[in-house]
Every structure is written in structure tokens, then in C-alpha cells.
């Protein structure tokens, strides 16, 4: 039996947030590797360009890592808001049902 929609959405958001977290960690590690890449083996005419290239890529990859982390955080926040809203609506509906229950 499929899980209720109200449970499936926050659950799927959590799974997706974890995937973005993994991307963040992978990209952050890659940025560190790019930053640590030696450029000393190049000739003097190329070493400066190689260092600038590595620095540019390190900044780019670090920016991508930050974006991935921001997306993961946003998904977690949205999933929490979704669950809280659903709980509040269920509570309000229960109170309304009690108030409107027909006495027999």
C-alpha cells in the first residue's frame, strides 16, 4: 500500500535534501583537491596561467558546493513547514469536527 501523500512529500524532500548534501560534500572535497593541485611543474611561462586556472576552478566548485548546501537546507525547511502546516490543519479539522458534531 502506498504511503499517504501527506507523508510521501516530506519524505521525498528529505531524500532529495540528503542527495544535495552529498553533492555539497563531494564538491567541497573537489574544491580542496583543485586548490591543492600543484602548478610548480609547469614552465615559468605557463605556471601563472595554471595557477589562475586552478584558482578559478576552485572558486567555481566551492560556489557550486555552497549552492548545493543551500538547496539541501531549503528542502529541509520546506519539508518541516509542510509537516507543521499539515499537523495544524489536522488539529484545526479535529477541533472543528468536535464543535460541529451533531448530538443524537
C-alpha atoms as a PDB file:
ATOM      1  CA  UNK A   1       0.000   0.000   0.000  1.00  0.00           C
ATOM      2  CA  UNK A   2       1.341   3.426  -0.902  1.00  0.00           C
ATOM      3  CA  UNK A   3       2.054   5.842   1.894  1.00  0.00           C
ATOM      4  CA  UNK A   4      -0.289   8.823   2.258  1.00  0.00           C
ATOM      5  CA  UNK A   5       0.543  11.851   0.147  1.00  0.00           C
ATOM      6  CA  UNK A   6       0.977  13.987   3.276  1.00  0.00           C
ATOM      7  CA  UNK A   7       3.785  11.678   4.417  1.00  0.00           C
ATOM      8  CA  UNK A   8       5.313  11.000   0.992  1.00  0.00           C
ATOM      9  CA  UNK A   9       6.075  14.625   0.149  1.00  0.00           C
ATOM     10  CA  UNK A  10       8.168  15.486   3.251  1.00  0.00           C
ATOM     11  CA  UNK A  11       9.855  12.085   2.998  1.00  0.00           C
ATOM     12  CA  UNK A  12      10.786  12.660  -0.650  1.00  0.00           C
ATOM     13  CA  UNK A  13      12.060  16.133   0.224  1.00  0.00           C
ATOM     14  CA  UNK A  14      14.266  14.600   2.915  1.00  0.00           C
ATOM     15  CA  UNK A  15      15.716  12.075   0.468  1.00  0.00           C
ATOM     16  CA  UNK A  16      16.382  14.837  -2.044  1.00  0.00           C
ATOM     17  CA  UNK A  17      17.950  17.055   0.645  1.00  0.00           C
ATOM     18  CA  UNK A  18      20.336  14.240   1.572  1.00  0.00           C
ATOM     19  CA  UNK A  19      21.302  13.873  -2.102  1.00  0.00           C
ATOM     20  CA  UNK A  20      22.091  17.618  -2.258  1.00  0.00           C
ATOM     21  CA  UNK A  21      24.104  17.235   0.979  1.00  0.00           C
ATOM     22  CA  UNK A  22      26.160  14.510  -0.674  1.00  0.00           C
ATOM     23  CA  UNK A  23      26.742  16.755  -3.693  1.00  0.00           C
ATOM     24  CA  UNK A  24      27.833  19.534  -1.337  1.00  0.00           C
ATOM     25  CA  UNK A  25      30.371  17.295   0.387  1.00  0.00           C
ATOM     26  CA  UNK A  26      31.690  15.899  -2.899  1.00  0.00           C
ATOM     27  CA  UNK A  27      32.038  19.370  -4.425  1.00  0.00           C
ATOM     28  CA  UNK A  28      33.673  20.791  -1.303  1.00  0.00           C
ATOM     29  CA  UNK A  29      36.205  17.950  -1.381  1.00  0.00           C
ATOM     30  CA  UNK A  30      36.806  18.525  -5.095  1.00  0.00           C
ATOM     31  CA  UNK A  31      37.372  22.246  -4.429  1.00  0.00           C
ATOM     32  CA  UNK A  32      40.000  21.350  -1.855  1.00  0.00           C
ATOM     33  CA  UNK A  33      41.701  19.000  -4.286  1.00  0.00           C
ATOM     34  CA  UNK A  34      41.741  21.627  -7.015  1.00  0.00           C
ATOM     35  CA  UNK A  35      43.146  24.196  -4.587  1.00  0.00           C
ATOM     36  CA  UNK A  36      45.873  21.759  -3.559  1.00  0.00           C
ATOM     37  CA  UNK A  37      46.824  20.888  -7.140  1.00  0.00           C
ATOM     38  CA  UNK A  38      50.452  21.814  -7.666  1.00  0.00           C
ATOM     39  CA  UNK A  39      51.318  24.153 -10.504  1.00  0.00           C
ATOM     40  CA  UNK A  40      55.048  24.170  -9.851  1.00  0.00           C
ATOM     41  CA  UNK A  41      55.770  21.554 -12.507  1.00  0.00           C
ATOM     42  CA  UNK A  42      54.913  23.946 -15.309  1.00  0.00           C
ATOM     43  CA  UNK A  43      57.409  26.201 -17.007  1.00  0.00           C
ATOM     44  CA  UNK A  44      57.552  29.777 -15.786  1.00  0.00           C
ATOM     45  CA  UNK A  45      55.565  30.927 -18.822  1.00  0.00           C
ATOM     46  CA  UNK A  46      52.690  28.576 -18.021  1.00  0.00           C
ATOM     47  CA  UNK A  47      52.790  28.335 -14.198  1.00  0.00           C
ATOM     48  CA  UNK A  48      50.966  31.648 -13.669  1.00  0.00           C
ATOM     49  CA  UNK A  49      48.159  30.744 -16.058  1.00  0.00           C
ATOM     50  CA  UNK A  50      47.892  27.273 -14.496  1.00  0.00           C
ATOM     51  CA  UNK A  51      47.648  28.795 -11.011  1.00  0.00           C
ATOM     52  CA  UNK A  52      44.940  31.234 -12.164  1.00  0.00           C
ATOM     53  CA  UNK A  53      43.080  28.399 -13.867  1.00  0.00           C
ATOM     54  CA  UNK A  54      43.216  26.246 -10.713  1.00  0.00           C
ATOM     55  CA  UNK A  55      42.137  29.192  -8.555  1.00  0.00           C
ATOM     56  CA  UNK A  56      39.203  29.974 -10.831  1.00  0.00           C
ATOM     57  CA  UNK A  57      38.057  26.366 -10.813  1.00  0.00           C
ATOM     58  CA  UNK A  58      38.447  26.125  -7.053  1.00  0.00           C
ATOM     59  CA  UNK A  59      36.199  29.197  -6.598  1.00  0.00           C
ATOM     60  CA  UNK A  60      33.689  27.835  -9.109  1.00  0.00           C
ATOM     61  CA  UNK A  61      33.496  24.405  -7.455  1.00  0.00           C
ATOM     62  CA  UNK A  62      33.301  25.955  -3.976  1.00  0.00           C
ATOM     63  CA  UNK A  63      30.408  28.114  -5.196  1.00  0.00           C
ATOM     64  CA  UNK A  64      28.631  25.046  -6.538  1.00  0.00           C
ATOM     65  CA  UNK A  65      29.134  23.335  -3.172  1.00  0.00           C
ATOM     66  CA  UNK A  66      27.568  26.302  -1.372  1.00  0.00           C
ATOM     67  CA  UNK A  67      24.612  26.241  -3.780  1.00  0.00           C
ATOM     68  CA  UNK A  68      24.085  22.523  -3.144  1.00  0.00           C
ATOM     69  CA  UNK A  69      24.132  23.103   0.616  1.00  0.00           C
ATOM     70  CA  UNK A  70      21.646  25.967   0.280  1.00  0.00           C
ATOM     71  CA  UNK A  71      19.292  23.745  -1.728  1.00  0.00           C
ATOM     72  CA  UNK A  72      19.535  20.966   0.858  1.00  0.00           C
ATOM     73  CA  UNK A  73      18.783  23.419   3.667  1.00  0.00           C
ATOM     74  CA  UNK A  74      15.844  24.860   1.726  1.00  0.00           C
ATOM     75  CA  UNK A  75      14.359  21.429   1.116  1.00  0.00           C
ATOM     76  CA  UNK A  76      14.647  20.533   4.804  1.00  0.00           C
ATOM     77  CA  UNK A  77      12.986  23.812   5.790  1.00  0.00           C
ATOM     78  CA  UNK A  78      10.199  23.274   3.265  1.00  0.00           C
ATOM     79  CA  UNK A  79       9.610  19.695   4.441  1.00  0.00           C
ATOM     80  CA  UNK A  80       9.388  20.894   8.052  1.00  0.00           C
ATOM     81  CA  UNK A  81       6.981  23.686   7.098  1.00  0.00           C
ATOM     82  CA  UNK A  82       4.894  21.230   5.080  1.00  0.00           C
ATOM     83  CA  UNK A  83       4.633  18.822   8.023  1.00  0.00           C
ATOM     84  CA  UNK A  84       3.834  21.618  10.509  1.00  0.00           C
ATOM     85  CA  UNK A  85       1.142  23.030   8.243  1.00  0.00           C
ATOM     86  CA  UNK A  86      -0.372  19.604   7.733  1.00  0.00           C
ATOM     87  CA  UNK A  87      -0.378  18.996  11.506  1.00  0.00           C
ATOM     88  CA  UNK A  88      -2.003  22.381  12.144  1.00  0.00           C
ATOM     89  CA  UNK A  89      -4.714  21.730   9.564  1.00  0.00           C
ATOM     90  CA  UNK A  90      -5.397  18.273  11.023  1.00  0.00           C
ATOM     91  CA  UNK A  91      -5.668  19.781  14.511  1.00  0.00           C
ATOM     92  CA  UNK A  92      -7.996  22.530  13.310  1.00  0.00           C
ATOM     93  CA  UNK A  93     -10.130  19.987  11.481  1.00  0.00           C
ATOM     94  CA  UNK A  94     -10.394  17.831  14.600  1.00  0.00           C
ATOM     95  CA  UNK A  95     -11.472  20.828  16.687  1.00  0.00           C
ATOM     96  CA  UNK A  96     -13.985  21.818  14.026  1.00  0.00           C
ATOM     97  CA  UNK A  97     -15.366  18.283  13.872  1.00  0.00           C
ATOM     98  CA  UNK A  98     -15.808  18.289  17.657  1.00  0.00           C
ATOM     99  CA  UNK A  99     -17.530  21.688  17.584  1.00  0.00           C
ATOM    100  CA  UNK A 100     -19.852  20.734  14.746  1.00  0.00           C
ATOM    101  CA  UNK A 101     -20.643  17.172  15.829  1.00  0.00           C
ATOM    102  CA  UNK A 102     -24.338  16.544  15.800  1.00  0.00           C
ATOM    103  CA  UNK A 103     -25.768  15.392  19.101  1.00  0.00           C
ATOM    104  CA  UNK A 104     -28.092  12.448  18.727  1.00  0.00           C
END
